[in-house]
Amino acid sequence: MSDSLAQRMMHNPVFSQVYEHMWRPTFTRLFSLGGTGTADFDRALTAYLTRPGDRLVLDVACGPGNYTRRIAEGLTGDGRCVGVDYSPPMLSQAARTNRTDRTMYIRADGHALPFADNTFDTVTCLAALYLIPDPLPVIDELVRVTRTGGEVVIFTSVRTDLTSFPGVVAAAGSAGYRIFDRHEIVDRLRAAGVDHVEQTITGQGQYVLGTKSPLTPSADRIPRSVRQNSR
C-alpha cells in the first residue's frame, strides 16, 4: 500500500519546519470550529500536563517536539519527557529546536513502542493519532507502557455534524486523515484497561483522559541512567 499524502509530507525535511511553526498550530486551531471552548480547554490541558512534578512522560507521535518541550518545561526533580516519532525529519527538527535537559527523542513506531510495560507516569498522543495508519492498535501501546495508576491523554479528531456531511470522511481518508467515531477512542481505551475515562468534545476535536487500571501488575521502569543521559 502506498503512503498517504499526510505520510509523505511527514517525511519531508522542509515540511518538518513548516509543520512546527505554522501547520501544526494552525491545524490544531481548526478543531475549534463550532466549539468556542476549545482554546480554553487546550490551555487548561497544557497547564495540567506542564504541572511541576518528578514524572516520566512519553509523547507519542511528537512531530517536531512542540508539546514535548512544553511538557518538559514544567517537570521537576528527575522528571523527563520522551518524544517518539517515526519520521526522521520530524525528529531532527525536534532535536534542533525543542531539545532541553529534560527531553529526549527516539525514533520508533507507535504500533510497537520500545519500552517495557508500566513504564511511564503519563503517556500522551496530541494532535497526531488521526494521521497514523491503523491507529487503534497504537492506543493499546499507549496503555501498555503507562504505569499502573498512570494517565493516558489523547487529543484527536471526532465525527461531528460538520464532519458528517456526505463525502467529508472519505475525502479526509484519501489524504491520510482519519475522523474517529465518537466512541472509538473511549471504547478502545476501556478495552485496553483504562478506567475513569473522560471525553470532552469541543469543536471538531476530542480530548480523552483516563487512568490505567490498578489490576495491571507493575513492571520495571526506565533506568535512572536513561533519565540522566537524556538527549
C-alpha atoms as a PDB file:
ATOM      1  CA  MET A   1       0.000   0.000   0.000  1.00  0.00           C
ATOM      2  CA  SER A   2       1.407   3.390  -0.955  1.00  0.00           C
ATOM      3  CA  ASP A   3       1.882   6.108   1.633  1.00  0.00           C
ATOM      4  CA  SER A   4      -0.864   8.677   2.020  1.00  0.00           C
ATOM      5  CA  LEU A   5      -0.302  12.355   1.286  1.00  0.00           C
ATOM      6  CA  ALA A   6      -0.022  13.023   5.030  1.00  0.00           C
ATOM      7  CA  GLN A   7       2.633  10.328   5.478  1.00  0.00           C
ATOM      8  CA  ARG A   8       4.708  11.613   2.553  1.00  0.00           C
ATOM      9  CA  MET A   9       4.598  15.145   3.945  1.00  0.00           C
ATOM     10  CA  MET A  10       5.716  13.992   7.400  1.00  0.00           C
ATOM     11  CA  HIS A  11       8.874  12.527   5.884  1.00  0.00           C
ATOM     12  CA  ASN A  12       9.740  15.721   4.013  1.00  0.00           C
ATOM     13  CA  PRO A  13      12.591  17.683   5.716  1.00  0.00           C
ATOM     14  CA  VAL A  14      11.249  21.049   4.569  1.00  0.00           C
ATOM     15  CA  PHE A  15       7.736  20.276   5.764  1.00  0.00           C
ATOM     16  CA  SER A  16       9.027  19.408   9.236  1.00  0.00           C
ATOM     17  CA  GLN A  17       9.980  23.064   9.710  1.00  0.00           C
ATOM     18  CA  VAL A  18       6.696  24.359   8.293  1.00  0.00           C
ATOM     19  CA  TYR A  19       4.814  21.875  10.465  1.00  0.00           C
ATOM     20  CA  GLU A  20       6.430  23.105  13.667  1.00  0.00           C
ATOM     21  CA  HIS A  21       5.872  26.816  13.176  1.00  0.00           C
ATOM     22  CA  MET A  22       2.767  27.026  11.000  1.00  0.00           C
ATOM     23  CA  TRP A  23       0.921  23.860  10.063  1.00  0.00           C
ATOM     24  CA  ARG A  24       0.513  22.141  13.425  1.00  0.00           C
ATOM     25  CA  PRO A  25      -0.576  25.262  15.367  1.00  0.00           C
ATOM     26  CA  THR A  26      -2.922  26.347  12.573  1.00  0.00           C
ATOM     27  CA  PHE A  27      -4.299  22.871  12.001  1.00  0.00           C
ATOM     28  CA  THR A  28      -4.920  22.407  15.704  1.00  0.00           C
ATOM     29  CA  ARG A  29      -6.853  25.688  15.845  1.00  0.00           C
ATOM     30  CA  LEU A  30      -9.144  24.399  13.109  1.00  0.00           C
ATOM     31  CA  PHE A  31     -10.511  21.964  15.676  1.00  0.00           C
ATOM     32  CA  SER A  32     -12.125  24.950  17.387  1.00  0.00           C
ATOM     33  CA  LEU A  33     -14.609  25.411  14.546  1.00  0.00           C
ATOM     34  CA  GLY A  34     -18.044  25.131  16.084  1.00  0.00           C
ATOM     35  CA  GLY A  35     -16.688  24.964  19.643  1.00  0.00           C
ATOM     36  CA  THR A  36     -15.941  28.208  21.437  1.00  0.00           C
ATOM     37  CA  GLY A  37     -14.429  26.445  24.444  1.00  0.00           C
ATOM     38  CA  THR A  38     -11.693  24.586  22.561  1.00  0.00           C
ATOM     39  CA  ALA A  39      -8.969  27.172  23.167  1.00  0.00           C
ATOM     40  CA  ASP A  40      -9.795  27.389  26.878  1.00  0.00           C
ATOM     41  CA  PHE A  41      -9.785  23.626  27.257  1.00  0.00           C
ATOM     42  CA  ASP A  42      -6.488  23.355  25.385  1.00  0.00           C
ATOM     43  CA  ARG A  43      -4.886  25.900  27.708  1.00  0.00           C
ATOM     44  CA  ALA A  44      -6.232  24.046  30.735  1.00  0.00           C
ATOM     45  CA  LEU A  45      -4.894  20.721  29.454  1.00  0.00           C
ATOM     46  CA  THR A  46      -1.499  22.249  28.717  1.00  0.00           C
ATOM     47  CA  ALA A  47      -1.353  23.702  32.229  1.00  0.00           C
ATOM     48  CA  TYR A  48      -2.257  20.307  33.647  1.00  0.00           C
ATOM     49  CA  LEU A  49       0.406  18.450  31.633  1.00  0.00           C
ATOM     50  CA  THR A  50       3.094  21.007  32.493  1.00  0.00           C
ATOM     51  CA  ARG A  51       2.406  20.981  36.247  1.00  0.00           C
ATOM     52  CA  PRO A  52       5.537  20.551  38.404  1.00  0.00           C
ATOM     53  CA  GLY A  53       6.472  17.008  39.326  1.00  0.00           C
ATOM     54  CA  ASP A  54       9.057  14.253  39.168  1.00  0.00           C
ATOM     55  CA  ARG A  55       7.274  12.388  36.389  1.00  0.00           C
ATOM     56  CA  LEU A  56       8.337  10.329  33.395  1.00  0.00           C
ATOM     57  CA  VAL A  57       6.216  11.341  30.403  1.00  0.00           C
ATOM     58  CA  LEU A  58       6.000   9.827  26.911  1.00  0.00           C
ATOM     59  CA  ASP A  59       4.798  11.959  23.993  1.00  0.00           C
ATOM     60  CA  VAL A  60       3.896   9.598  21.121  1.00  0.00           C
ATOM     61  CA  ALA A  61       3.945  10.930  17.548  1.00  0.00           C
ATOM     62  CA  CYS A  62       5.682  14.019  18.904  1.00  0.00           C
ATOM     63  CA  GLY A  63       6.488  15.507  15.480  1.00  0.00           C
ATOM     64  CA  PRO A  64       8.960  18.388  15.889  1.00  0.00           C
ATOM     65  CA  GLY A  65       8.576  18.342  19.666  1.00  0.00           C
ATOM     66  CA  ASN A  66       6.201  21.269  20.224  1.00  0.00           C
ATOM     67  CA  TYR A  67       4.275  19.576  23.004  1.00  0.00           C
ATOM     68  CA  THR A  68       7.245  17.542  24.238  1.00  0.00           C
ATOM     69  CA  ARG A  69       9.191  20.636  25.188  1.00  0.00           C
ATOM     70  CA  ARG A  70       6.216  22.380  26.753  1.00  0.00           C
ATOM     71  CA  ILE A  71       5.513  19.376  28.957  1.00  0.00           C
ATOM     72  CA  ALA A  72       9.186  19.006  29.906  1.00  0.00           C
ATOM     73  CA  GLU A  73       9.490  22.643  30.959  1.00  0.00           C
ATOM     74  CA  GLY A  74       7.099  22.072  33.846  1.00  0.00           C
ATOM     75  CA  LEU A  75       8.769  18.947  35.237  1.00  0.00           C
ATOM     76  CA  THR A  76      10.962  18.948  38.333  1.00  0.00           C
ATOM     77  CA  GLY A  77      13.421  16.602  40.029  1.00  0.00           C
ATOM     78  CA  ASP A  78      14.280  13.694  37.748  1.00  0.00           C
ATOM     79  CA  GLY A  79      11.246  14.396  35.554  1.00  0.00           C
ATOM     80  CA  ARG A  80      11.760  13.794  31.828  1.00  0.00           C
ATOM     81  CA  CYS A  81       9.615  13.870  28.684  1.00  0.00           C
ATOM     82  CA  VAL A  82      10.468  11.374  25.935  1.00  0.00           C
ATOM     83  CA  GLY A  83       9.281  12.236  22.433  1.00  0.00           C
ATOM     84  CA  VAL A  84       8.721   9.382  19.970  1.00  0.00           C
ATOM     85  CA  ASP A  85       8.099   9.733  16.255  1.00  0.00           C
ATOM     86  CA  TYR A  86       8.569   7.604  13.141  1.00  0.00           C
ATOM     87  CA  SER A  87       9.681  10.453  10.885  1.00  0.00           C
ATOM     88  CA  PRO A  88      13.447  11.196  10.844  1.00  0.00           C
ATOM     89  CA  PRO A  89      12.933  14.772   9.577  1.00  0.00           C
ATOM     90  CA  MET A  90      10.489  15.487  12.398  1.00  0.00           C
ATOM     91  CA  LEU A  91      12.902  14.132  14.995  1.00  0.00           C
ATOM     92  CA  SER A  92      15.789  16.125  13.522  1.00  0.00           C
ATOM     93  CA  GLN A  93      13.707  19.266  13.773  1.00  0.00           C
ATOM     94  CA  ALA A  94      12.783  18.383  17.361  1.00  0.00           C
ATOM     95  CA  ALA A  95      16.443  17.927  18.294  1.00  0.00           C
ATOM     96  CA  ARG A  96      17.336  21.278  16.715  1.00  0.00           C
ATOM     97  CA  THR A  97      14.592  23.438  18.132  1.00  0.00           C
ATOM     98  CA  ASN A  98      12.926  21.687  21.074  1.00  0.00           C
ATOM     99  CA  ARG A  99      15.753  19.939  22.880  1.00  0.00           C
ATOM    100  CA  THR A 100      16.274  20.631  26.588  1.00  0.00           C
ATOM    101  CA  ASP A 101      17.897  18.914  29.560  1.00  0.00           C
ATOM    102  CA  ARG A 102      14.560  17.264  30.290  1.00  0.00           C
ATOM    103  CA  THR A 103      13.753  15.999  26.780  1.00  0.00           C
ATOM    104  CA  MET A 104      14.956  13.091  24.701  1.00  0.00           C
ATOM    105  CA  TYR A 105      13.815  11.994  21.252  1.00  0.00           C
ATOM    106  CA  ILE A 106      13.621   8.455  19.918  1.00  0.00           C
ATOM    107  CA  ARG A 107      12.609   7.101  16.514  1.00  0.00           C
ATOM    108  CA  ALA A 108      10.019   4.386  16.973  1.00  0.00           C
ATOM    109  CA  ASP A 109       6.772   3.054  15.539  1.00  0.00           C
ATOM    110  CA  GLY A 110       3.766   3.791  17.694  1.00  0.00           C
ATOM    111  CA  HIS A 111       2.486   0.289  16.948  1.00  0.00           C
ATOM    112  CA  ALA A 112       5.495  -1.238  18.757  1.00  0.00           C
ATOM    113  CA  LEU A 113       6.903   1.152  21.342  1.00  0.00           C
ATOM    114  CA  PRO A 114      10.389   0.105  22.579  1.00  0.00           C
ATOM    115  CA  PHE A 115       9.560   0.330  26.276  1.00  0.00           C
ATOM    116  CA  ALA A 116       8.603  -2.135  28.985  1.00  0.00           C
ATOM    117  CA  ASP A 117       5.070  -2.444  30.289  1.00  0.00           C
ATOM    118  CA  ASN A 118       4.089   0.049  33.005  1.00  0.00           C
ATOM    119  CA  THR A 119       6.987   2.432  32.355  1.00  0.00           C
ATOM    120  CA  PHE A 120       5.589   5.987  32.175  1.00  0.00           C
ATOM    121  CA  ASP A 121       3.591   8.088  34.611  1.00  0.00           C
ATOM    122  CA  THR A 122       1.844   9.901  31.745  1.00  0.00           C
ATOM    123  CA  VAL A 123       1.523   8.961  28.068  1.00  0.00           C
ATOM    124  CA  THR A 124       0.198  11.468  25.539  1.00  0.00           C
ATOM    125  CA  CYS A 125      -0.703  11.468  21.867  1.00  0.00           C
ATOM    126  CA  LEU A 126      -1.705  15.011  20.949  1.00  0.00           C
ATOM    127  CA  ALA A 127      -2.988  16.182  17.567  1.00  0.00           C
ATOM    128  CA  ALA A 128      -1.389  13.210  15.808  1.00  0.00           C
ATOM    129  CA  LEU A 129      -3.402   9.987  16.103  1.00  0.00           C
ATOM    130  CA  TYR A 130      -5.616  10.922  13.157  1.00  0.00           C
ATOM    131  CA  LEU A 131      -2.558  10.842  10.842  1.00  0.00           C
ATOM    132  CA  ILE A 132      -1.284   7.395  11.900  1.00  0.00           C
ATOM    133  CA  PRO A 133      -2.235   4.438   9.679  1.00  0.00           C
ATOM    134  CA  ASP A 134      -4.178   1.745  11.577  1.00  0.00           C
ATOM    135  CA  PRO A 135      -4.328   3.941  14.708  1.00  0.00           C
ATOM    136  CA  LEU A 136      -6.386   1.857  17.129  1.00  0.00           C
ATOM    137  CA  PRO A 137      -3.577  -0.638  17.947  1.00  0.00           C
ATOM    138  CA  VAL A 138      -1.458   2.400  18.843  1.00  0.00           C
ATOM    139  CA  ILE A 139      -3.904   3.108  21.660  1.00  0.00           C
ATOM    140  CA  ASP A 140      -3.186  -0.376  23.044  1.00  0.00           C
ATOM    141  CA  GLU A 141       0.513   0.505  23.077  1.00  0.00           C
ATOM    142  CA  LEU A 142      -0.128   3.816  24.835  1.00  0.00           C
ATOM    143  CA  VAL A 143      -1.874   1.920  27.592  1.00  0.00           C
ATOM    144  CA  ARG A 144       0.690  -0.878  27.756  1.00  0.00           C
ATOM    145  CA  VAL A 145       3.612   1.438  28.520  1.00  0.00           C
ATOM    146  CA  THR A 146       1.626   3.532  31.019  1.00  0.00           C
ATOM    147  CA  ARG A 147       2.302   2.517  34.608  1.00  0.00           C
ATOM    148  CA  THR A 148      -0.477   1.152  36.747  1.00  0.00           C
ATOM    149  CA  GLY A 149      -2.411   4.156  38.024  1.00  0.00           C
ATOM    150  CA  GLY A 150      -0.820   6.394  35.389  1.00  0.00           C
ATOM    151  CA  GLU A 151      -2.707   8.523  32.894  1.00  0.00           C
ATOM    152  CA  VAL A 152      -3.268   8.386  29.151  1.00  0.00           C
ATOM    153  CA  VAL A 153      -4.113  11.659  27.371  1.00  0.00           C
ATOM    154  CA  ILE A 154      -5.279  11.837  23.740  1.00  0.00           C
ATOM    155  CA  PHE A 155      -6.293  14.830  21.647  1.00  0.00           C
ATOM    156  CA  THR A 156      -7.611  13.897  18.219  1.00  0.00           C
ATOM    157  CA  SER A 157     -10.408  14.231  15.681  1.00  0.00           C
ATOM    158  CA  VAL A 158     -14.033  13.241  16.179  1.00  0.00           C
ATOM    159  CA  ARG A 159     -17.056  12.917  13.945  1.00  0.00           C
ATOM    160  CA  THR A 160     -19.478  15.809  14.400  1.00  0.00           C
ATOM    161  CA  ASP A 161     -22.416  17.242  12.498  1.00  0.00           C
ATOM    162  CA  LEU A 162     -19.976  19.277  10.420  1.00  0.00           C
ATOM    163  CA  THR A 163     -17.671  16.385   9.511  1.00  0.00           C
ATOM    164  CA  SER A 164     -20.624  14.065   8.880  1.00  0.00           C
ATOM    165  CA  PHE A 165     -21.594  15.819   5.671  1.00  0.00           C
ATOM    166  CA  PRO A 166     -21.554  13.390   2.721  1.00  0.00           C
ATOM    167  CA  GLY A 167     -18.061  12.891   1.332  1.00  0.00           C
ATOM    168  CA  VAL A 168     -16.169  14.581   4.162  1.00  0.00           C
ATOM    169  CA  VAL A 169     -14.922  11.397   5.839  1.00  0.00           C
ATOM    170  CA  ALA A 170     -13.984   9.806   2.510  1.00  0.00           C
ATOM    171  CA  ALA A 171     -12.132  12.913   1.339  1.00  0.00           C
ATOM    172  CA  ALA A 172     -10.248  13.166   4.609  1.00  0.00           C
ATOM    173  CA  GLY A 173      -9.366   9.481   4.473  1.00  0.00           C
ATOM    174  CA  SER A 174      -7.963   9.757   0.962  1.00  0.00           C
ATOM    175  CA  ALA A 175      -5.473  12.337   2.265  1.00  0.00           C
ATOM    176  CA  GLY A 176      -4.489  10.156   5.213  1.00  0.00           C
ATOM    177  CA  TYR A 177      -6.591  11.968   7.824  1.00  0.00           C
ATOM    178  CA  ARG A 178      -8.942   9.854   9.967  1.00  0.00           C
ATOM    179  CA  ILE A 179     -12.066  11.188  11.593  1.00  0.00           C
ATOM    180  CA  PHE A 180     -12.902   8.965  14.562  1.00  0.00           C
ATOM    181  CA  ASP A 181     -16.410   7.992  15.560  1.00  0.00           C
ATOM    182  CA  ARG A 182     -17.470   9.367  18.925  1.00  0.00           C
ATOM    183  CA  HIS A 183     -16.987   6.123  20.828  1.00  0.00           C
ATOM    184  CA  GLU A 184     -13.934   4.636  19.067  1.00  0.00           C
ATOM    185  CA  ILE A 185     -11.232   6.127  21.281  1.00  0.00           C
ATOM    186  CA  VAL A 186     -13.126   5.731  24.548  1.00  0.00           C
ATOM    187  CA  ASP A 187     -14.116   2.123  23.834  1.00  0.00           C
ATOM    188  CA  ARG A 188     -10.584   1.154  22.821  1.00  0.00           C
ATOM    189  CA  LEU A 189      -9.078   2.684  25.948  1.00  0.00           C
ATOM    190  CA  ARG A 190     -11.529   0.862  28.185  1.00  0.00           C
ATOM    191  CA  ALA A 191     -10.914  -2.421  26.387  1.00  0.00           C
ATOM    192  CA  ALA A 192      -7.163  -1.941  26.910  1.00  0.00           C
ATOM    193  CA  GLY A 193      -7.582  -1.486  30.666  1.00  0.00           C
ATOM    194  CA  VAL A 194      -8.188   2.225  31.250  1.00  0.00           C
ATOM    195  CA  ASP A 195     -10.632   3.349  33.941  1.00  0.00           C
ATOM    196  CA  HIS A 196     -12.282   6.684  34.709  1.00  0.00           C
ATOM    197  CA  VAL A 197     -12.243   7.723  31.052  1.00  0.00           C
ATOM    198  CA  GLU A 198     -13.307  11.320  30.473  1.00  0.00           C
ATOM    199  CA  GLN A 199     -14.124  12.570  26.988  1.00  0.00           C
ATOM    200  CA  THR A 200     -14.617  16.223  26.122  1.00  0.00           C
ATOM    201  CA  ILE A 201     -15.806  17.032  22.603  1.00  0.00           C
ATOM    202  CA  THR A 202     -15.392  20.636  21.565  1.00  0.00           C
ATOM    203  CA  GLY A 203     -15.469  21.910  18.024  1.00  0.00           C
ATOM    204  CA  GLN A 204     -14.175  19.177  15.729  1.00  0.00           C
ATOM    205  CA  GLY A 205     -11.850  17.591  18.275  1.00  0.00           C
ATOM    206  CA  GLN A 206     -11.969  15.403  21.339  1.00  0.00           C
ATOM    207  CA  TYR A 207      -9.860  15.357  24.488  1.00  0.00           C
ATOM    208  CA  VAL A 208      -9.804  11.961  26.189  1.00  0.00           C
ATOM    209  CA  LEU A 209      -8.145  11.313  29.559  1.00  0.00           C
ATOM    210  CA  GLY A 210      -8.092   8.091  31.527  1.00  0.00           C
ATOM    211  CA  THR A 211      -6.290   6.217  34.294  1.00  0.00           C
ATOM    212  CA  LYS A 212      -4.756   2.784  33.790  1.00  0.00           C
ATOM    213  CA  SER A 213      -6.458   0.122  35.853  1.00  0.00           C
ATOM    214  CA  PRO A 214      -4.632  -0.867  39.072  1.00  0.00           C
ATOM    215  CA  LEU A 215      -5.310  -4.505  38.207  1.00  0.00           C
ATOM    216  CA  THR A 216      -2.349  -4.451  35.828  1.00  0.00           C
ATOM    217  CA  PRO A 217       0.858  -5.687  37.535  1.00  0.00           C
ATOM    218  CA  SER A 218       3.862  -3.356  37.794  1.00  0.00           C
ATOM    219  CA  ALA A 219       6.964  -3.791  35.627  1.00  0.00           C
ATOM    220  CA  ASP A 220      10.443  -2.331  35.530  1.00  0.00           C
ATOM    221  CA  ARG A 221      10.617   1.355  34.714  1.00  0.00           C
ATOM    222  CA  ILE A 222      13.187   3.067  32.545  1.00  0.00           C
ATOM    223  CA  PRO A 223      16.517   3.047  34.429  1.00  0.00           C
ATOM    224  CA  ARG A 224      17.563   6.292  36.110  1.00  0.00           C
ATOM    225  CA  SER A 225      20.618   6.331  33.811  1.00  0.00           C
ATOM    226  CA  VAL A 226      18.333   6.904  30.842  1.00  0.00           C
ATOM    227  CA  ARG A 227      16.781   9.881  32.617  1.00  0.00           C
ATOM    228  CA  GLN A 228      20.139  11.379  33.460  1.00  0.00           C
ATOM    229  CA  ASN A 229      21.555  10.886  29.969  1.00  0.00           C
ATOM    230  CA  SER A 230      18.560  12.171  28.039  1.00  0.00           C
ATOM    231  CA  ARG A 231      19.267  13.685  24.658  1.00  0.00           C
END
